[in-house]
Structure formats: C-alpha cells, structure tokens
Amino acid sequence: MKKTTSAIYISGLLAFFAGAAQAAEDVGSRNLAAACAACHGTNGHAVTGMSALAGMDKAYMVKTMQEFKTGKRPATVMHQLAKGYSDDQIGQIAEFFAKQQK
C-alpha cells in the first residue's frame, strides 16, 4: 500500500511541475507576442488594414518571419523587428498565435 501511495504522490508532483513549466512557457510566449499588438491587435486580432495573426498556421508564420529576417520578403518595418528575435523566439511567437482563436 505504501508503494502505491508513494507512486501516486510522485505522479501528482510530476504532473504539477509539468503543468507549471507549461504555464511559464505560455507566459513567455505571450510576452514575446505582446510586442506585435501595436500593429496586429491584442492576441493577433488585427484592426482594419493589418494582417491578423490569430489562428495563423505556425509553419507559415515561422517561414514568413524568417523571410522578413533575411530580407527575402520586403517590408517597411517587419524586417527590422524580425532581426531582433532568435529562431527559437520566432517559433514561440508563431506557436502562441497559432493557438489563438480567429
């Protein structure tokens, strides 16, 4: 009985810490994505005349951001902004927006 109780307790702790780590990652991604709000709206819900990022496919967004970063895709501001993010950060931002409802 003690082994079963210990196993349940350890499983519960692991689930708690995994959930806490996921929550911290989500907050970090949300904070990175917040910089996009001035032009693309809160959580990617764009105002008129701007591209909506909410619900955008992650792979497409990563590709687009990489194109801005390298200068392959022309832009007035995005090429400068994209250069400020690491590849990992671009992936986090893209994942955050992919999870948002359109």
PDB file of N, CA and C in Angstrom:
ATOM      1  N   MET A   1       0.827  -1.197   0.000  1.00  0.00           N
ATOM      2  CA  MET A   1       0.000   0.000   0.000  1.00  0.00           C
ATOM      3  C   MET A   1       0.868   1.255   0.000  1.00  0.00           C
ATOM      4  N   LYS A   2       1.992   1.224   0.751  1.00  0.00           N
ATOM      5  CA  LYS A   2       2.867   2.392   0.800  1.00  0.00           C
ATOM      6  C   LYS A   2       3.465   2.701  -0.572  1.00  0.00           C
ATOM      7  N   LYS A   3       3.846   1.660  -1.322  1.00  0.00           N
ATOM      8  CA  LYS A   3       4.423   1.873  -2.652  1.00  0.00           C
ATOM      9  C   LYS A   3       3.408   2.517  -3.581  1.00  0.00           C
ATOM     10  N   THR A   4       2.171   2.082  -3.489  1.00  0.00           N
ATOM     11  CA  THR A   4       1.122   2.638  -4.335  1.00  0.00           C
ATOM     12  C   THR A   4       0.889   4.103  -3.984  1.00  0.00           C
ATOM     13  N   THR A   5       0.830   4.420  -2.704  1.00  0.00           N
ATOM     14  CA  THR A   5       0.623   5.794  -2.265  1.00  0.00           C
ATOM     15  C   THR A   5       1.787   6.679  -2.711  1.00  0.00           C
ATOM     16  N   SER A   6       3.003   6.180  -2.571  1.00  0.00           N
ATOM     17  CA  SER A   6       4.174   6.948  -2.995  1.00  0.00           C
ATOM     18  C   SER A   6       4.165   7.181  -4.501  1.00  0.00           C
ATOM     19  N   ALA A   7       3.803   6.163  -5.251  1.00  0.00           N
ATOM     20  CA  ALA A   7       3.761   6.289  -6.703  1.00  0.00           C
ATOM     21  C   ALA A   7       2.717   7.326  -7.119  1.00  0.00           C
ATOM     22  N   ILE A   8       1.573   7.318  -6.475  1.00  0.00           N
ATOM     23  CA  ILE A   8       0.525   8.295  -6.785  1.00  0.00           C
ATOM     24  C   ILE A   8       0.994   9.704  -6.433  1.00  0.00           C
ATOM     25  N   TYR A   9       1.638   9.831  -5.288  1.00  0.00           N
ATOM     26  CA  TYR A   9       2.141  11.133  -4.845  1.00  0.00           C
ATOM     27  C   TYR A   9       3.187  11.667  -5.823  1.00  0.00           C
ATOM     28  N   ILE A  10       4.112  10.829  -6.228  1.00  0.00           N
ATOM     29  CA  ILE A  10       5.163  11.237  -7.169  1.00  0.00           C
ATOM     30  C   ILE A  10       4.548  11.592  -8.522  1.00  0.00           C
ATOM     31  N   SER A  11       3.585  10.804  -8.973  1.00  0.00           N
ATOM     32  CA  SER A  11       2.913  11.102 -10.239  1.00  0.00           C
ATOM     33  C   SER A  11       2.218  12.456 -10.177  1.00  0.00           C
ATOM     34  N   GLY A  12       1.599  12.737  -9.052  1.00  0.00           N
ATOM     35  CA  GLY A  12       0.929  14.028  -8.872  1.00  0.00           C
ATOM     36  C   GLY A  12       1.912  15.180  -8.905  1.00  0.00           C
ATOM     37  N   LEU A  13       3.053  15.015  -8.259  1.00  0.00           N
ATOM     38  CA  LEU A  13       4.082  16.056  -8.266  1.00  0.00           C
ATOM     39  C   LEU A  13       4.609  16.293  -9.675  1.00  0.00           C
ATOM     40  N   LEU A  14       4.863  15.219 -10.398  1.00  0.00           N
ATOM     41  CA  LEU A  14       5.356  15.353 -11.772  1.00  0.00           C
ATOM     42  C   LEU A  14       4.344  16.080 -12.643  1.00  0.00           C
ATOM     43  N   ALA A  15       3.079  15.757 -12.502  1.00  0.00           N
ATOM     44  CA  ALA A  15       2.032  16.423 -13.279  1.00  0.00           C
ATOM     45  C   ALA A  15       1.959  17.906 -12.919  1.00  0.00           C
ATOM     46  N   PHE A  16       2.091  18.211 -11.622  1.00  0.00           N
ATOM     47  CA  PHE A  16       2.056  19.607 -11.176  1.00  0.00           C
ATOM     48  C   PHE A  16       3.198  20.401 -11.786  1.00  0.00           C
ATOM     49  N   PHE A  17       4.414  19.867 -11.703  1.00  0.00           N
ATOM     50  CA  PHE A  17       5.568  20.592 -12.223  1.00  0.00           C
ATOM     51  C   PHE A  17       5.545  20.692 -13.749  1.00  0.00           C
ATOM     52  N   ALA A  18       5.035  19.692 -14.408  1.00  0.00           N
ATOM     53  CA  ALA A  18       4.901  19.760 -15.868  1.00  0.00           C
ATOM     54  C   ALA A  18       3.908  20.854 -16.239  1.00  0.00           C
ATOM     55  N   GLY A  19       2.826  20.944 -15.506  1.00  0.00           N
ATOM     56  CA  GLY A  19       1.836  21.996 -15.749  1.00  0.00           C
ATOM     57  C   GLY A  19       2.398  23.376 -15.467  1.00  0.00           C
ATOM     58  N   ALA A  20       3.186  23.501 -14.408  1.00  0.00           N
ATOM     59  CA  ALA A  20       3.807  24.786 -14.073  1.00  0.00           C
ATOM     60  C   ALA A  20       4.801  25.199 -15.153  1.00  0.00           C
ATOM     61  N   ALA A  21       5.564  24.249 -15.660  1.00  0.00           N
ATOM     62  CA  ALA A  21       6.527  24.554 -16.723  1.00  0.00           C
ATOM     63  C   ALA A  21       5.798  24.987 -17.988  1.00  0.00           C
ATOM     64  N   GLN A  22       4.691  24.330 -18.317  1.00  0.00           N
ATOM     65  CA  GLN A  22       3.902  24.700 -19.490  1.00  0.00           C
ATOM     66  C   GLN A  22       3.330  26.098 -19.326  1.00  0.00           C
ATOM     67  N   ALA A  23       2.835  26.411 -18.131  1.00  0.00           N
ATOM     68  CA  ALA A  23       2.274  27.740 -17.883  1.00  0.00           C
ATOM     69  C   ALA A  23       3.338  28.810 -18.025  1.00  0.00           C
ATOM     70  N   ALA A  24       4.552  28.556 -17.528  1.00  0.00           N
ATOM     71  CA  ALA A  24       5.645  29.520 -17.650  1.00  0.00           C
ATOM     72  C   ALA A  24       6.008  29.734 -19.115  1.00  0.00           C
ATOM     73  N   GLU A  25       6.020  28.659 -19.904  1.00  0.00           N
ATOM     74  CA  GLU A  25       6.319  28.762 -21.331  1.00  0.00           C
ATOM     75  C   GLU A  25       5.251  29.582 -22.041  1.00  0.00           C
ATOM     76  N   ASP A  26       3.985  29.361 -21.695  1.00  0.00           N
ATOM     77  CA  ASP A  26       2.892  30.107 -22.315  1.00  0.00           C
ATOM     78  C   ASP A  26       2.991  31.593 -21.992  1.00  0.00           C
ATOM     79  N   VAL A  27       3.355  31.928 -20.753  1.00  0.00           N
ATOM     80  CA  VAL A  27       3.506  33.331 -20.364  1.00  0.00           C
ATOM     81  C   VAL A  27       4.654  33.963 -21.133  1.00  0.00           C
ATOM     82  N   GLY A  28       5.761  33.247 -21.276  1.00  0.00           N
ATOM     83  CA  GLY A  28       6.892  33.764 -22.036  1.00  0.00           C
ATOM     84  C   GLY A  28       6.530  34.001 -23.483  1.00  0.00           C
ATOM     85  N   SER A  29       5.815  33.082 -24.082  1.00  0.00           N
ATOM     86  CA  SER A  29       5.376  33.226 -25.473  1.00  0.00           C
ATOM     87  C   SER A  29       4.411  34.389 -25.619  1.00  0.00           C
ATOM     88  N   ARG A  30       3.509  34.508 -24.673  1.00  0.00           N
ATOM     89  CA  ARG A  30       2.541  35.614 -24.697  1.00  0.00           C
ATOM     90  C   ARG A  30       3.264  36.950 -24.582  1.00  0.00           C
ATOM     91  N   ASN A  31       4.288  37.006 -23.722  1.00  0.00           N
ATOM     92  CA  ASN A  31       5.037  38.246 -23.555  1.00  0.00           C
ATOM     93  C   ASN A  31       5.784  38.623 -24.837  1.00  0.00           C
ATOM     94  N   LEU A  32       6.368  37.644 -25.503  1.00  0.00           N
ATOM     95  CA  LEU A  32       7.040  37.919 -26.777  1.00  0.00           C
ATOM     96  C   LEU A  32       6.029  38.415 -27.811  1.00  0.00           C
ATOM     97  N   ALA A  33       4.888  37.774 -27.877  1.00  0.00           N
ATOM     98  CA  ALA A  33       3.863  38.116 -28.866  1.00  0.00           C
ATOM     99  C   ALA A  33       3.208  39.467 -28.576  1.00  0.00           C
ATOM    100  N   ALA A  34       3.285  39.923 -27.343  1.00  0.00           N
ATOM    101  CA  ALA A  34       2.666  41.196 -26.977  1.00  0.00           C
ATOM    102  C   ALA A  34       3.248  42.360 -27.764  1.00  0.00           C
ATOM    103  N   ALA A  35       4.499  42.241 -28.183  1.00  0.00           N
ATOM    104  CA  ALA A  35       5.132  43.304 -28.969  1.00  0.00           C
ATOM    105  C   ALA A  35       4.438  43.496 -30.313  1.00  0.00           C
ATOM    106  N   CYS A  36       3.699  42.508 -30.769  1.00  0.00           N
ATOM    107  CA  CYS A  36       3.017  42.568 -32.068  1.00  0.00           C
ATOM    108  C   CYS A  36       1.681  43.304 -31.982  1.00  0.00           C
ATOM    109  N   ALA A  37       1.199  43.516 -30.757  1.00  0.00           N
ATOM    110  CA  ALA A  37      -0.147  44.049 -30.548  1.00  0.00           C
ATOM    111  C   ALA A  37      -0.335  45.458 -31.107  1.00  0.00           C
ATOM    112  N   ALA A  38       0.691  46.283 -31.089  1.00  0.00           N
ATOM    113  CA  ALA A  38       0.543  47.664 -31.548  1.00  0.00           C
ATOM    114  C   ALA A  38       0.041  47.717 -32.993  1.00  0.00           C
ATOM    115  N   CYS A  39       0.518  46.809 -33.820  1.00  0.00           N
ATOM    116  CA  CYS A  39       0.106  46.799 -35.236  1.00  0.00           C
ATOM    117  C   CYS A  39      -0.914  45.711 -35.552  1.00  0.00           C
ATOM    118  N   HIS A  40      -0.777  44.552 -34.922  1.00  0.00           N
ATOM    119  CA  HIS A  40      -1.590  43.389 -35.284  1.00  0.00           C
ATOM    120  C   HIS A  40      -2.707  43.104 -34.295  1.00  0.00           C
ATOM    121  N   GLY A  41      -2.906  43.967 -33.311  1.00  0.00           N
ATOM    122  CA  GLY A  41      -4.001  43.822 -32.365  1.00  0.00           C
ATOM    123  C   GLY A  41      -3.695  42.857 -31.228  1.00  0.00           C
ATOM    124  N   THR A  42      -4.463  42.986 -30.170  1.00  0.00           N
ATOM    125  CA  THR A  42      -4.297  42.133 -28.998  1.00  0.00           C
ATOM    126  C   THR A  42      -4.510  40.676 -29.375  1.00  0.00           C
ATOM    127  N   ASN A  43      -3.559  39.845 -29.019  1.00  0.00           N
ATOM    128  CA  ASN A  43      -3.589  38.414 -29.312  1.00  0.00           C
ATOM    129  C   ASN A  43      -3.753  38.113 -30.803  1.00  0.00           C
ATOM    130  N   GLY A  44      -3.304  39.063 -31.642  1.00  0.00           N
ATOM    131  CA  GLY A  44      -3.328  38.839 -33.080  1.00  0.00           C
ATOM    132  C   GLY A  44      -4.641  39.145 -33.762  1.00  0.00           C
ATOM    133  N   HIS A  45      -5.575  39.754 -33.039  1.00  0.00           N
ATOM    134  CA  HIS A  45      -6.866  40.126 -33.622  1.00  0.00           C
ATOM    135  C   HIS A  45      -6.716  41.528 -34.194  1.00  0.00           C
ATOM    136  N   ALA A  46      -6.384  41.587 -35.459  1.00  0.00           N
ATOM    137  CA  ALA A  46      -5.988  42.827 -36.124  1.00  0.00           C
ATOM    138  C   ALA A  46      -7.115  43.825 -36.288  1.00  0.00           C
ATOM    139  N   VAL A  47      -6.684  45.076 -36.325  1.00  0.00           N
ATOM    140  CA  VAL A  47      -7.603  46.147 -36.667  1.00  0.00           C
ATOM    141  C   VAL A  47      -7.626  46.249 -38.192  1.00  0.00           C
ATOM    142  N   THR A  48      -8.522  47.030 -38.717  1.00  0.00           N
ATOM    143  CA  THR A  48      -8.697  47.165 -40.160  1.00  0.00           C
ATOM    144  C   THR A  48      -7.395  47.540 -40.864  1.00  0.00           C
ATOM    145  N   GLY A  49      -7.097  46.836 -41.951  1.00  0.00           N
ATOM    146  CA  GLY A  49      -5.939  47.154 -42.770  1.00  0.00           C
ATOM    147  C   GLY A  49      -4.646  46.462 -42.369  1.00  0.00           C
ATOM    148  N   MET A  50      -4.681  45.660 -41.363  1.00  0.00           N
ATOM    149  CA  MET A  50      -3.474  44.969 -40.904  1.00  0.00           C
ATOM    150  C   MET A  50      -3.723  43.463 -40.923  1.00  0.00           C
ATOM    151  N   SER A  51      -2.675  42.697 -41.120  1.00  0.00           N
ATOM    152  CA  SER A  51      -2.800  41.237 -41.147  1.00  0.00           C
ATOM    153  C   SER A  51      -3.155  40.697 -39.764  1.00  0.00           C
ATOM    154  N   ALA A  52      -4.138  39.815 -39.713  1.00  0.00           N
ATOM    155  CA  ALA A  52      -4.492  39.133 -38.470  1.00  0.00           C
ATOM    156  C   ALA A  52      -3.508  37.990 -38.248  1.00  0.00           C
ATOM    157  N   LEU A  53      -3.025  37.847 -37.046  1.00  0.00           N
ATOM    158  CA  LEU A  53      -2.092  36.772 -36.718  1.00  0.00           C
ATOM    159  C   LEU A  53      -2.774  35.640 -35.956  1.00  0.00           C
ATOM    160  N   ALA A  54      -3.916  35.922 -35.341  1.00  0.00           N
ATOM    161  CA  ALA A  54      -4.635  34.913 -34.567  1.00  0.00           C
ATOM    162  C   ALA A  54      -5.041  33.745 -35.455  1.00  0.00           C
ATOM    163  N   GLY A  55      -4.679  32.554 -35.048  1.00  0.00           N
ATOM    164  CA  GLY A  55      -5.039  31.349 -35.777  1.00  0.00           C
ATOM    165  C   GLY A  55      -4.171  31.057 -36.984  1.00  0.00           C
ATOM    166  N   MET A  56      -3.132  31.854 -37.206  1.00  0.00           N
ATOM    167  CA  MET A  56      -2.257  31.633 -38.356  1.00  0.00           C
ATOM    168  C   MET A  56      -1.464  30.344 -38.175  1.00  0.00           C
ATOM    169  N   ASP A  57      -1.287  29.617 -39.255  1.00  0.00           N
ATOM    170  CA  ASP A  57      -0.519  28.377 -39.225  1.00  0.00           C
ATOM    171  C   ASP A  57       0.902  28.660 -38.735  1.00  0.00           C
ATOM    172  N   LYS A  58       1.363  27.873 -37.780  1.00  0.00           N
ATOM    173  CA  LYS A  58       2.679  28.101 -37.170  1.00  0.00           C
ATOM    174  C   LYS A  58       3.800  28.039 -38.208  1.00  0.00           C
ATOM    175  N   ALA A  59       3.809  27.026 -39.037  1.00  0.00           N
ATOM    176  CA  ALA A  59       4.877  26.863 -40.027  1.00  0.00           C
ATOM    177  C   ALA A  59       4.910  28.039 -40.999  1.00  0.00           C
ATOM    178  N   TYR A  60       3.733  28.504 -41.408  1.00  0.00           N
ATOM    179  CA  TYR A  60       3.654  29.637 -42.323  1.00  0.00           C
ATOM    180  C   TYR A  60       4.213  30.896 -41.661  1.00  0.00           C
ATOM    181  N   MET A  61       3.860  31.106 -40.387  1.00  0.00           N
ATOM    182  CA  MET A  61       4.337  32.298 -39.698  1.00  0.00           C
ATOM    183  C   MET A  61       5.845  32.259 -39.500  1.00  0.00           C
ATOM    184  N   VAL A  62       6.379  31.102 -39.141  1.00  0.00           N
ATOM    185  CA  VAL A  62       7.834  30.970 -38.984  1.00  0.00           C
ATOM    186  C   VAL A  62       8.513  31.282 -40.309  1.00  0.00           C
ATOM    187  N   LYS A  63       7.996  30.729 -41.393  1.00  0.00           N
ATOM    188  CA  LYS A  63       8.578  30.964 -42.723  1.00  0.00           C
ATOM    189  C   LYS A  63       8.539  32.446 -43.069  1.00  0.00           C
ATOM    190  N   THR A  64       7.418  33.072 -42.827  1.00  0.00           N
ATOM    191  CA  THR A  64       7.258  34.488 -43.132  1.00  0.00           C
ATOM    192  C   THR A  64       8.216  35.337 -42.308  1.00  0.00           C
ATOM    193  N   MET A  65       8.311  35.040 -41.015  1.00  0.00           N
ATOM    194  CA  MET A  65       9.214  35.804 -40.141  1.00  0.00           C
ATOM    195  C   MET A  65      10.671  35.610 -40.555  1.00  0.00           C
ATOM    196  N   GLN A  66      11.023  34.405 -40.955  1.00  0.00           N
ATOM    197  CA  GLN A  66      12.391  34.157 -41.419  1.00  0.00           C
ATOM    198  C   GLN A  66      12.668  34.945 -42.703  1.00  0.00           C
ATOM    199  N   GLU A  67      11.674  35.038 -43.574  1.00  0.00           N
ATOM    200  CA  GLU A  67      11.830  35.815 -44.803  1.00  0.00           C
ATOM    201  C   GLU A  67      11.988  37.305 -44.505  1.00  0.00           C
ATOM    202  N   PHE A  68      11.254  37.806 -43.515  1.00  0.00           N
ATOM    203  CA  PHE A  68      11.448  39.195 -43.091  1.00  0.00           C
ATOM    204  C   PHE A  68      12.862  39.368 -42.528  1.00  0.00           C
ATOM    205  N   LYS A  69      13.262  38.421 -41.697  1.00  0.00           N
ATOM    206  CA  LYS A  69      14.555  38.488 -41.013  1.00  0.00           C
ATOM    207  C   LYS A  69      15.724  38.512 -42.005  1.00  0.00           C
ATOM    208  N   THR A  70      15.633  37.726 -43.054  1.00  0.00           N
ATOM    209  CA  THR A  70      16.723  37.646 -44.032  1.00  0.00           C
ATOM    210  C   THR A  70      16.612  38.707 -45.127  1.00  0.00           C
ATOM    211  N   GLY A  71      15.480  39.398 -45.193  1.00  0.00           N
ATOM    212  CA  GLY A  71      15.275  40.407 -46.228  1.00  0.00           C
ATOM    213  C   GLY A  71      14.675  39.844 -47.504  1.00  0.00           C
ATOM    214  N   LYS A  72      14.382  38.554 -47.520  1.00  0.00           N
ATOM    215  CA  LYS A  72      13.782  37.933 -48.704  1.00  0.00           C
ATOM    216  C   LYS A  72      12.383  38.492 -48.963  1.00  0.00           C
ATOM    217  N   ARG A  73      11.664  38.815 -47.913  1.00  0.00           N
ATOM    218  CA  ARG A  73      10.318  39.384 -48.044  1.00  0.00           C
ATOM    219  C   ARG A  73      10.428  40.883 -47.739  1.00  0.00           C
ATOM    220  N   PRO A  74      10.027  41.732 -48.671  1.00  0.00           N
ATOM    221  CA  PRO A  74      10.135  43.173 -48.446  1.00  0.00           C
ATOM    222  C   PRO A  74       9.152  43.657 -47.386  1.00  0.00           C
ATOM    223  N   ALA A  75       9.567  44.678 -46.655  1.00  0.00           N
ATOM    224  CA  ALA A  75       8.720  45.246 -45.607  1.00  0.00           C
ATOM    225  C   ALA A  75       9.211  46.642 -45.259  1.00  0.00           C
ATOM    226  N   THR A  76       8.354  47.398 -44.631  1.00  0.00           N
ATOM    227  CA  THR A  76       8.773  48.714 -44.170  1.00  0.00           C
ATOM    228  C   THR A  76       9.350  48.648 -42.765  1.00  0.00           C
ATOM    229  N   VAL A  77       8.768  47.807 -41.917  1.00  0.00           N
ATOM    230  CA  VAL A  77       9.195  47.715 -40.524  1.00  0.00           C
ATOM    231  C   VAL A  77       9.536  46.284 -40.107  1.00  0.00           C
ATOM    232  N   MET A  78       8.810  45.306 -40.634  1.00  0.00           N
ATOM    233  CA  MET A  78       8.943  43.932 -40.143  1.00  0.00           C
ATOM    234  C   MET A  78      10.341  43.359 -40.297  1.00  0.00           C
ATOM    235  N   HIS A  79      11.071  43.724 -41.314  1.00  0.00           N
ATOM    236  CA  HIS A  79      12.420  43.184 -41.475  1.00  0.00           C
ATOM    237  C   HIS A  79      13.313  43.630 -40.317  1.00  0.00           C
ATOM    238  N   GLN A  80      13.106  44.830 -39.815  1.00  0.00           N
ATOM    239  CA  GLN A  80      13.881  45.309 -38.671  1.00  0.00           C
ATOM    240  C   GLN A  80      13.462  44.595 -37.388  1.00  0.00           C
ATOM    241  N   LEU A  81      12.165  44.421 -37.204  1.00  0.00           N
ATOM    242  CA  LEU A  81      11.659  43.761 -35.996  1.00  0.00           C
ATOM    243  C   LEU A  81      12.063  42.293 -35.953  1.00  0.00           C
ATOM    244  N   ALA A  82      11.930  41.604 -37.079  1.00  0.00           N
ATOM    245  CA  ALA A  82      12.228  40.170 -37.128  1.00  0.00           C
ATOM    246  C   ALA A  82      13.683  39.879 -36.776  1.00  0.00           C
ATOM    247  N   LYS A  83      14.584  40.772 -37.133  1.00  0.00           N
ATOM    248  CA  LYS A  83      16.011  40.580 -36.825  1.00  0.00           C
ATOM    249  C   LYS A  83      16.276  40.592 -35.327  1.00  0.00           C
ATOM    250  N   GLY A  84      15.348  41.138 -34.554  1.00  0.00           N
ATOM    251  CA  GLY A  84      15.506  41.201 -33.106  1.00  0.00           C
ATOM    252  C   GLY A  84      15.142  39.917 -32.377  1.00  0.00           C
ATOM    253  N   TYR A  85      14.636  38.923 -33.086  1.00  0.00           N
ATOM    254  CA  TYR A  85      14.207  37.668 -32.469  1.00  0.00           C
ATOM    255  C   TYR A  85      15.099  36.513 -32.901  1.00  0.00           C
ATOM    256  N   SER A  86      15.380  35.629 -31.959  1.00  0.00           N
ATOM    257  CA  SER A  86      16.093  34.394 -32.294  1.00  0.00           C
ATOM    258  C   SER A  86      15.119  33.466 -33.014  1.00  0.00           C
ATOM    259  N   ASP A  87      15.640  32.431 -33.625  1.00  0.00           N
ATOM    260  CA  ASP A  87      14.782  31.445 -34.292  1.00  0.00           C
ATOM    261  C   ASP A  87      13.840  30.794 -33.289  1.00  0.00           C
ATOM    262  N   ASP A  88      14.337  30.526 -32.085  1.00  0.00           N
ATOM    263  CA  ASP A  88      13.508  29.918 -31.045  1.00  0.00           C
ATOM    264  C   ASP A  88      12.373  30.861 -30.646  1.00  0.00           C
ATOM    265  N   GLN A  89      12.681  32.130 -30.496  1.00  0.00           N
ATOM    266  CA  GLN A  89      11.650  33.098 -30.131  1.00  0.00           C
ATOM    267  C   GLN A  89      10.603  33.234 -31.234  1.00  0.00           C
ATOM    268  N   ILE A  90      11.036  33.215 -32.469  1.00  0.00           N
ATOM    269  CA  ILE A  90      10.083  33.258 -33.594  1.00  0.00           C
ATOM    270  C   ILE A  90       9.154  32.051 -33.527  1.00  0.00           C
ATOM    271  N   GLY A  91       9.696  30.887 -33.218  1.00  0.00           N
ATOM    272  CA  GLY A  91       8.875  29.687 -33.071  1.00  0.00           C
ATOM    273  C   GLY A  91       7.870  29.815 -31.941  1.00  0.00           C
ATOM    274  N   GLN A  92       8.293  30.408 -30.828  1.00  0.00           N
ATOM    275  CA  GLN A  92       7.386  30.604 -29.691  1.00  0.00           C
ATOM    276  C   GLN A  92       6.257  31.559 -30.048  1.00  0.00           C
ATOM    277  N   ILE A  93       6.609  32.642 -30.709  1.00  0.00           N
ATOM    278  CA  ILE A  93       5.593  33.618 -31.118  1.00  0.00           C
ATOM    279  C   ILE A  93       4.599  32.969 -32.089  1.00  0.00           C
ATOM    280  N   ALA A  94       5.121  32.248 -33.064  1.00  0.00           N
ATOM    281  CA  ALA A  94       4.259  31.596 -34.055  1.00  0.00           C
ATOM    282  C   ALA A  94       3.338  30.580 -33.382  1.00  0.00           C
ATOM    283  N   GLU A  95       3.857  29.845 -32.417  1.00  0.00           N
ATOM    284  CA  GLU A  95       3.020  28.866 -31.709  1.00  0.00           C
ATOM    285  C   GLU A  95       1.924  29.568 -30.911  1.00  0.00           C
ATOM    286  N   PHE A  96       2.276  30.674 -30.263  1.00  0.00           N
ATOM    287  CA  PHE A  96       1.289  31.433 -29.495  1.00  0.00           C
ATOM    288  C   PHE A  96       0.140  31.873 -30.399  1.00  0.00           C
ATOM    289  N   PHE A  97       0.464  32.489 -31.534  1.00  0.00           N
ATOM    290  CA  PHE A  97      -0.586  32.978 -32.429  1.00  0.00           C
ATOM    291  C   PHE A  97      -1.383  31.843 -33.054  1.00  0.00           C
ATOM    292  N   ALA A  98      -0.737  30.724 -33.338  1.00  0.00           N
ATOM    293  CA  ALA A  98      -1.445  29.573 -33.905  1.00  0.00           C
ATOM    294  C   ALA A  98      -2.533  29.063 -32.947  1.00  0.00           C
ATOM    295  N   LYS A  99      -2.308  29.216 -31.659  1.00  0.00           N
ATOM    296  CA  LYS A  99      -3.265  28.732 -30.658  1.00  0.00           C
ATOM    297  C   LYS A  99      -4.435  29.693 -30.426  1.00  0.00           C
ATOM    298  N   GLN A 100      -4.341  30.905 -30.929  1.00  0.00           N
ATOM    299  CA  GLN A 100      -5.401  31.889 -30.708  1.00  0.00           C
ATOM    300  C   GLN A 100      -6.573  31.636 -31.642  1.00  0.00           C
ATOM    301  N   GLN A 101      -7.768  31.905 -31.142  1.00  0.00           N
ATOM    302  CA  GLN A 101      -8.983  31.759 -31.956  1.00  0.00           C
ATOM    303  C   GLN A 101      -9.034  32.882 -32.983  1.00  0.00           C
ATOM    304  N   LYS A 102      -9.470  32.551 -34.194  1.00  0.00           N
ATOM    305  CA  LYS A 102      -9.624  33.578 -35.243  1.00  0.00           C
ATOM    306  C   LYS A 102     -10.760  34.502 -34.931  1.00  0.00           C
TER     307      LYS A 102
END
